[in-house]
Amino acid sequence: MSPLEAALAGIWLMLPALIPNSAAVLWGGGKPMDFGRSWRGERILGDGKTWRGFFGGALTGFAFGVIQIASSELFDFSDSWSHGNWPRALWIIGALAFGSMIGDSAGSFVKRRLGVGRGDKAPILDQYNFVIGAFVIVTIVHTHWLKFHYIDGNQIYGLIAFLVLVPLLHRGVNIIGYKMGKKDVPW
């Protein structure tokens, strides 16, 4: 696999982790995940993290992953472009989608502990919290899959491309959300 193909495959396979963070904004609202509770004088997560956003975002990423799995079987994608066969692939896309939302929530927890307010910038943490969550959970669920698709051989180019693309996508999607009136700030 060429470095370019590995980079594109790496981005393709991570879409179930990229989509939930953006989709959560569209599904959000309702009861905060922390039920308005505080810990050590600060909200645990804040009003921006809701159950509806968490599950709506994760299930949207999962649904997209199911479409990817069906496409890979229908069009006979190579293993490098596939999450694998059913049901293993369902576990992987579930780990990516729900791990993404867990990482996003953990990032909010850390921001509250650091005294960073809702909507305030937290460079690096804002862009990579969901990535870390997705990687941690998929590592627990299927370490070999992550190693095969992002570490071994030229697959490292997929990891590099994904990590470079994340801040650009994050910024672009946030600007779109701001212009749609779904976000208070464009970052």
C-alpha atoms as a PDB file:
ATOM      1  CA  MET A   1       0.000   0.000   0.000  1.00  0.00           C
ATOM      2  CA  SER A   2       1.410   3.392  -0.986  1.00  0.00           C
ATOM      3  CA  PRO A   3       1.746   6.168   1.620  1.00  0.00           C
ATOM      4  CA  LEU A   4      -1.074   8.124  -0.061  1.00  0.00           C
ATOM      5  CA  GLU A   5      -3.414   5.135  -0.083  1.00  0.00           C
ATOM      6  CA  ALA A   6      -2.522   4.374   3.547  1.00  0.00           C
ATOM      7  CA  ALA A   7      -3.287   7.999   4.476  1.00  0.00           C
ATOM      8  CA  LEU A   8      -6.671   7.912   2.746  1.00  0.00           C
ATOM      9  CA  ALA A   9      -7.559   4.532   4.261  1.00  0.00           C
ATOM     10  CA  GLY A  10      -6.584   5.805   7.704  1.00  0.00           C
ATOM     11  CA  ILE A  11      -8.986   8.731   7.398  1.00  0.00           C
ATOM     12  CA  TRP A  12     -11.778   6.552   5.937  1.00  0.00           C
ATOM     13  CA  LEU A  13     -11.578   4.039   8.780  1.00  0.00           C
ATOM     14  CA  MET A  14     -11.718   6.744  11.452  1.00  0.00           C
ATOM     15  CA  LEU A  15     -14.905   8.393  10.173  1.00  0.00           C
ATOM     16  CA  PRO A  16     -17.024   6.597  12.823  1.00  0.00           C
ATOM     17  CA  ALA A  17     -14.888   8.459  15.399  1.00  0.00           C
ATOM     18  CA  LEU A  18     -14.946  11.814  13.568  1.00  0.00           C
ATOM     19  CA  ILE A  19     -18.680  12.022  12.921  1.00  0.00           C
ATOM     20  CA  PRO A  20     -20.040  11.716  16.503  1.00  0.00           C
ATOM     21  CA  ASN A  21     -18.424  14.893  17.793  1.00  0.00           C
ATOM     22  CA  SER A  22     -20.101  16.972  15.078  1.00  0.00           C
ATOM     23  CA  ALA A  23     -23.391  15.060  15.137  1.00  0.00           C
ATOM     24  CA  ALA A  24     -23.691  15.545  18.909  1.00  0.00           C
ATOM     25  CA  VAL A  25     -24.230  19.274  18.327  1.00  0.00           C
ATOM     26  CA  LEU A  26     -27.189  18.518  16.061  1.00  0.00           C
ATOM     27  CA  TRP A  27     -28.740  16.058  18.530  1.00  0.00           C
ATOM     28  CA  GLY A  28     -27.825  18.015  21.682  1.00  0.00           C
ATOM     29  CA  GLY A  29     -30.025  19.643  24.226  1.00  0.00           C
ATOM     30  CA  GLY A  30     -31.965  18.185  27.088  1.00  0.00           C
ATOM     31  CA  LYS A  31     -30.680  16.805  30.353  1.00  0.00           C
ATOM     32  CA  PRO A  32     -26.985  17.442  31.085  1.00  0.00           C
ATOM     33  CA  MET A  33     -24.950  14.282  31.620  1.00  0.00           C
ATOM     34  CA  ASP A  34     -23.792  15.556  35.007  1.00  0.00           C
ATOM     35  CA  PHE A  35     -27.410  16.404  36.015  1.00  0.00           C
ATOM     36  CA  GLY A  36     -26.201  19.889  37.004  1.00  0.00           C
ATOM     37  CA  ARG A  37     -23.920  18.547  39.748  1.00  0.00           C
ATOM     38  CA  SER A  38     -20.598  20.028  40.749  1.00  0.00           C
ATOM     39  CA  TRP A  39     -17.371  18.553  42.032  1.00  0.00           C
ATOM     40  CA  ARG A  40     -14.886  20.666  43.993  1.00  0.00           C
ATOM     41  CA  GLY A  41     -16.807  23.823  43.178  1.00  0.00           C
ATOM     42  CA  GLU A  42     -16.992  23.309  39.398  1.00  0.00           C
ATOM     43  CA  ARG A  43     -19.553  21.583  37.235  1.00  0.00           C
ATOM     44  CA  ILE A  44     -18.538  18.008  36.457  1.00  0.00           C
ATOM     45  CA  LEU A  45     -19.073  18.364  32.691  1.00  0.00           C
ATOM     46  CA  GLY A  46     -21.297  21.403  32.138  1.00  0.00           C
ATOM     47  CA  ASP A  47     -24.519  22.068  30.261  1.00  0.00           C
ATOM     48  CA  GLY A  48     -22.912  21.418  26.866  1.00  0.00           C
ATOM     49  CA  LYS A  49     -22.658  17.664  27.460  1.00  0.00           C
ATOM     50  CA  THR A  50     -26.125  16.122  27.277  1.00  0.00           C
ATOM     51  CA  TRP A  51     -27.344  12.545  27.134  1.00  0.00           C
ATOM     52  CA  ARG A  52     -29.165  13.223  23.890  1.00  0.00           C
ATOM     53  CA  GLY A  53     -26.001  14.670  22.309  1.00  0.00           C
ATOM     54  CA  PHE A  54     -23.841  11.811  23.610  1.00  0.00           C
ATOM     55  CA  PHE A  55     -26.053   9.002  22.326  1.00  0.00           C
ATOM     56  CA  GLY A  56     -27.216  10.859  19.205  1.00  0.00           C
ATOM     57  CA  GLY A  57     -23.621  11.569  18.212  1.00  0.00           C
ATOM     58  CA  ALA A  58     -22.349   8.070  18.996  1.00  0.00           C
ATOM     59  CA  LEU A  59     -25.235   6.358  17.221  1.00  0.00           C
ATOM     60  CA  THR A  60     -24.795   8.588  14.160  1.00  0.00           C
ATOM     61  CA  GLY A  61     -21.112   7.587  13.963  1.00  0.00           C
ATOM     62  CA  PHE A  62     -22.090   3.948  14.500  1.00  0.00           C
ATOM     63  CA  ALA A  63     -24.728   4.123  11.737  1.00  0.00           C
ATOM     64  CA  PHE A  64     -22.173   5.582   9.339  1.00  0.00           C
ATOM     65  CA  GLY A  65     -19.799   2.766  10.290  1.00  0.00           C
ATOM     66  CA  VAL A  66     -22.486   0.187   9.465  1.00  0.00           C
ATOM     67  CA  ILE A  67     -22.786   1.789   6.021  1.00  0.00           C
ATOM     68  CA  GLN A  68     -19.001   1.531   5.665  1.00  0.00           C
ATOM     69  CA  ILE A  69     -19.042  -2.161   6.630  1.00  0.00           C
ATOM     70  CA  ALA A  70     -21.837  -2.915   4.165  1.00  0.00           C
ATOM     71  CA  SER A  71     -19.989  -0.979   1.445  1.00  0.00           C
ATOM     72  CA  SER A  72     -16.731  -2.813   2.108  1.00  0.00           C
ATOM     73  CA  GLU A  73     -18.487  -6.168   1.761  1.00  0.00           C
ATOM     74  CA  LEU A  74     -20.578  -5.135  -1.237  1.00  0.00           C
ATOM     75  CA  PHE A  75     -17.599  -3.739  -3.141  1.00  0.00           C
ATOM     76  CA  ASP A  76     -15.072  -6.221  -1.727  1.00  0.00           C
ATOM     77  CA  PHE A  77     -12.671  -3.664  -0.205  1.00  0.00           C
ATOM     78  CA  SER A  78      -9.213  -4.877   0.726  1.00  0.00           C
ATOM     79  CA  ASP A  79      -8.513  -5.538   4.409  1.00  0.00           C
ATOM     80  CA  SER A  80      -6.605  -2.235   4.591  1.00  0.00           C
ATOM     81  CA  TRP A  81      -9.831  -0.316   3.869  1.00  0.00           C
ATOM     82  CA  SER A  82     -12.139  -2.436   6.035  1.00  0.00           C
ATOM     83  CA  HIS A  83     -13.211  -2.578   9.661  1.00  0.00           C
ATOM     84  CA  GLY A  84     -13.432  -6.353   9.214  1.00  0.00           C
ATOM     85  CA  ASN A  85     -16.253  -8.836   8.997  1.00  0.00           C
ATOM     86  CA  TRP A  86     -19.490  -8.860  10.994  1.00  0.00           C
ATOM     87  CA  PRO A  87     -19.738  -8.969  14.046  1.00  0.00           C
ATOM     88  CA  ARG A  88     -16.137  -7.984  14.854  1.00  0.00           C
ATOM     89  CA  ALA A  89     -16.496  -4.852  12.719  1.00  0.00           C
ATOM     90  CA  LEU A  90     -19.551  -3.787  14.751  1.00  0.00           C
ATOM     91  CA  TRP A  91     -17.455  -3.902  17.918  1.00  0.00           C
ATOM     92  CA  ILE A  92     -14.747  -1.825  16.261  1.00  0.00           C
ATOM     93  CA  ILE A  93     -17.065   0.890  14.933  1.00  0.00           C
ATOM     94  CA  GLY A  94     -18.928   0.897  18.253  1.00  0.00           C
ATOM     95  CA  ALA A  95     -15.616   1.397  20.057  1.00  0.00           C
ATOM     96  CA  LEU A  96     -14.672   4.224  17.696  1.00  0.00           C
ATOM     97  CA  ALA A  97     -18.043   6.010  17.903  1.00  0.00           C
ATOM     98  CA  PHE A  98     -18.689   5.631  21.629  1.00  0.00           C
ATOM     99  CA  GLY A  99     -14.983   6.059  22.460  1.00  0.00           C
ATOM    100  CA  SER A 100     -15.080   9.367  20.616  1.00  0.00           C
ATOM    101  CA  MET A 101     -17.952  10.616  22.773  1.00  0.00           C
ATOM    102  CA  ILE A 102     -16.331   9.276  25.960  1.00  0.00           C
ATOM    103  CA  GLY A 103     -13.141  11.161  25.037  1.00  0.00           C
ATOM    104  CA  ASP A 104     -15.132  14.321  24.339  1.00  0.00           C
ATOM    105  CA  SER A 105     -16.816  14.063  27.747  1.00  0.00           C
ATOM    106  CA  ALA A 106     -13.489  13.369  29.452  1.00  0.00           C
ATOM    107  CA  GLY A 107     -12.099  16.484  27.749  1.00  0.00           C
ATOM    108  CA  SER A 108     -14.931  18.548  29.243  1.00  0.00           C
ATOM    109  CA  PHE A 109     -14.182  17.077  32.653  1.00  0.00           C
ATOM    110  CA  VAL A 110     -10.509  18.097  32.317  1.00  0.00           C
ATOM    111  CA  LYS A 111     -11.459  21.582  31.058  1.00  0.00           C
ATOM    112  CA  ARG A 112     -13.717  22.122  34.094  1.00  0.00           C
ATOM    113  CA  ARG A 113     -10.884  21.019  36.428  1.00  0.00           C
ATOM    114  CA  LEU A 114      -8.544  23.512  34.720  1.00  0.00           C
ATOM    115  CA  GLY A 115     -11.104  26.304  35.120  1.00  0.00           C
ATOM    116  CA  VAL A 116     -11.739  26.596  31.376  1.00  0.00           C
ATOM    117  CA  GLY A 117     -15.311  27.751  30.807  1.00  0.00           C
ATOM    118  CA  ARG A 118     -17.810  26.292  28.360  1.00  0.00           C
ATOM    119  CA  GLY A 119     -17.005  27.538  24.876  1.00  0.00           C
ATOM    120  CA  ASP A 120     -13.566  28.824  25.909  1.00  0.00           C
ATOM    121  CA  LYS A 121     -10.614  27.666  23.835  1.00  0.00           C
ATOM    122  CA  ALA A 122      -8.464  24.796  25.033  1.00  0.00           C
ATOM    123  CA  PRO A 123      -6.004  24.170  22.185  1.00  0.00           C
ATOM    124  CA  ILE A 124      -5.005  20.554  21.582  1.00  0.00           C
ATOM    125  CA  LEU A 125      -7.468  19.284  24.207  1.00  0.00           C
ATOM    126  CA  ASP A 126     -10.443  20.483  22.141  1.00  0.00           C
ATOM    127  CA  GLN A 127      -9.116  18.903  18.951  1.00  0.00           C
ATOM    128  CA  TYR A 128      -7.808  15.584  20.250  1.00  0.00           C
ATOM    129  CA  ASN A 129      -9.941  14.601  23.268  1.00  0.00           C
ATOM    130  CA  PHE A 130     -12.310  12.522  21.148  1.00  0.00           C
ATOM    131  CA  VAL A 131      -9.387  10.982  19.224  1.00  0.00           C
ATOM    132  CA  ILE A 132      -7.771   9.786  22.438  1.00  0.00           C
ATOM    133  CA  GLY A 133     -11.080   8.351  23.647  1.00  0.00           C
ATOM    134  CA  ALA A 134     -11.621   6.487  20.368  1.00  0.00           C
ATOM    135  CA  PHE A 135      -8.064   5.101  20.355  1.00  0.00           C
ATOM    136  CA  VAL A 136      -8.244   3.979  23.987  1.00  0.00           C
ATOM    137  CA  ILE A 137     -11.580   2.190  23.605  1.00  0.00           C
ATOM    138  CA  VAL A 138     -10.719   0.548  20.264  1.00  0.00           C
ATOM    139  CA  THR A 139      -7.399  -0.589  21.774  1.00  0.00           C
ATOM    140  CA  ILE A 140      -9.329  -2.285  24.571  1.00  0.00           C
ATOM    141  CA  VAL A 141     -11.791  -3.878  22.123  1.00  0.00           C
ATOM    142  CA  HIS A 142      -9.388  -4.899  19.343  1.00  0.00           C
ATOM    143  CA  THR A 143      -5.714  -3.927  19.710  1.00  0.00           C
ATOM    144  CA  HIS A 144      -4.694  -5.917  16.627  1.00  0.00           C
ATOM    145  CA  TRP A 145      -7.060  -3.931  14.368  1.00  0.00           C
ATOM    146  CA  LEU A 146      -5.583  -0.605  15.502  1.00  0.00           C
ATOM    147  CA  LYS A 147      -2.020  -1.883  15.102  1.00  0.00           C
ATOM    148  CA  PHE A 148      -2.687  -3.326  11.627  1.00  0.00           C
ATOM    149  CA  HIS A 149      -4.406  -0.153  10.343  1.00  0.00           C
ATOM    150  CA  TYR A 150      -2.338   2.582  12.004  1.00  0.00           C
ATOM    151  CA  ILE A 151       1.071   1.314  13.103  1.00  0.00           C
ATOM    152  CA  ASP A 152       2.412  -1.506  10.894  1.00  0.00           C
ATOM    153  CA  GLY A 153       4.354  -0.645   7.731  1.00  0.00           C
ATOM    154  CA  ASN A 154       3.037   2.222   5.637  1.00  0.00           C
ATOM    155  CA  GLN A 155      -0.140   2.304   7.749  1.00  0.00           C
ATOM    156  CA  ILE A 156       1.616   4.872   9.942  1.00  0.00           C
ATOM    157  CA  TYR A 157       0.821   7.360   7.158  1.00  0.00           C
ATOM    158  CA  GLY A 158      -2.856   6.798   7.926  1.00  0.00           C
ATOM    159  CA  LEU A 159      -2.278   7.771  11.537  1.00  0.00           C
ATOM    160  CA  ILE A 160      -0.239  10.828  10.567  1.00  0.00           C
ATOM    161  CA  ALA A 161      -2.827  11.979   8.009  1.00  0.00           C
ATOM    162  CA  PHE A 162      -5.630  11.500  10.494  1.00  0.00           C
ATOM    163  CA  LEU A 163      -3.833  13.428  13.248  1.00  0.00           C
ATOM    164  CA  VAL A 164      -2.994  16.289  10.855  1.00  0.00           C
ATOM    165  CA  LEU A 165      -6.531  16.414   9.449  1.00  0.00           C
ATOM    166  CA  VAL A 166      -8.324  16.460  12.829  1.00  0.00           C
ATOM    167  CA  PRO A 167      -7.608  20.105  13.790  1.00  0.00           C
ATOM    168  CA  LEU A 168      -8.520  21.301  10.284  1.00  0.00           C
ATOM    169  CA  LEU A 169     -11.805  19.394  10.286  1.00  0.00           C
ATOM    170  CA  HIS A 170     -12.535  20.445  13.858  1.00  0.00           C
ATOM    171  CA  ARG A 171     -12.148  24.103  12.989  1.00  0.00           C
ATOM    172  CA  GLY A 172     -14.154  23.850   9.755  1.00  0.00           C
ATOM    173  CA  VAL A 173     -17.036  21.963  11.331  1.00  0.00           C
ATOM    174  CA  ASN A 174     -17.161  24.389  14.261  1.00  0.00           C
ATOM    175  CA  ILE A 175     -17.385  27.353  11.903  1.00  0.00           C
ATOM    176  CA  ILE A 176     -20.261  25.649  10.080  1.00  0.00           C
ATOM    177  CA  GLY A 177     -21.996  24.895  13.403  1.00  0.00           C
ATOM    178  CA  TYR A 178     -21.560  28.523  14.471  1.00  0.00           C
ATOM    179  CA  LYS A 179     -23.025  29.825  11.200  1.00  0.00           C
ATOM    180  CA  MET A 180     -25.953  27.402  11.573  1.00  0.00           C
ATOM    181  CA  GLY A 181     -26.624  28.801  15.058  1.00  0.00           C
ATOM    182  CA  LYS A 182     -25.831  25.456  16.742  1.00  0.00           C
ATOM    183  CA  LYS A 183     -22.670  26.705  18.480  1.00  0.00           C
ATOM    184  CA  ASP A 184     -22.093  29.881  20.456  1.00  0.00           C
ATOM    185  CA  VAL A 185     -18.481  30.264  19.298  1.00  0.00           C
ATOM    186  CA  PRO A 186     -16.725  29.312  16.038  1.00  0.00           C
ATOM    187  CA  TRP A 187     -13.987  27.198  17.690  1.00  0.00           C
END
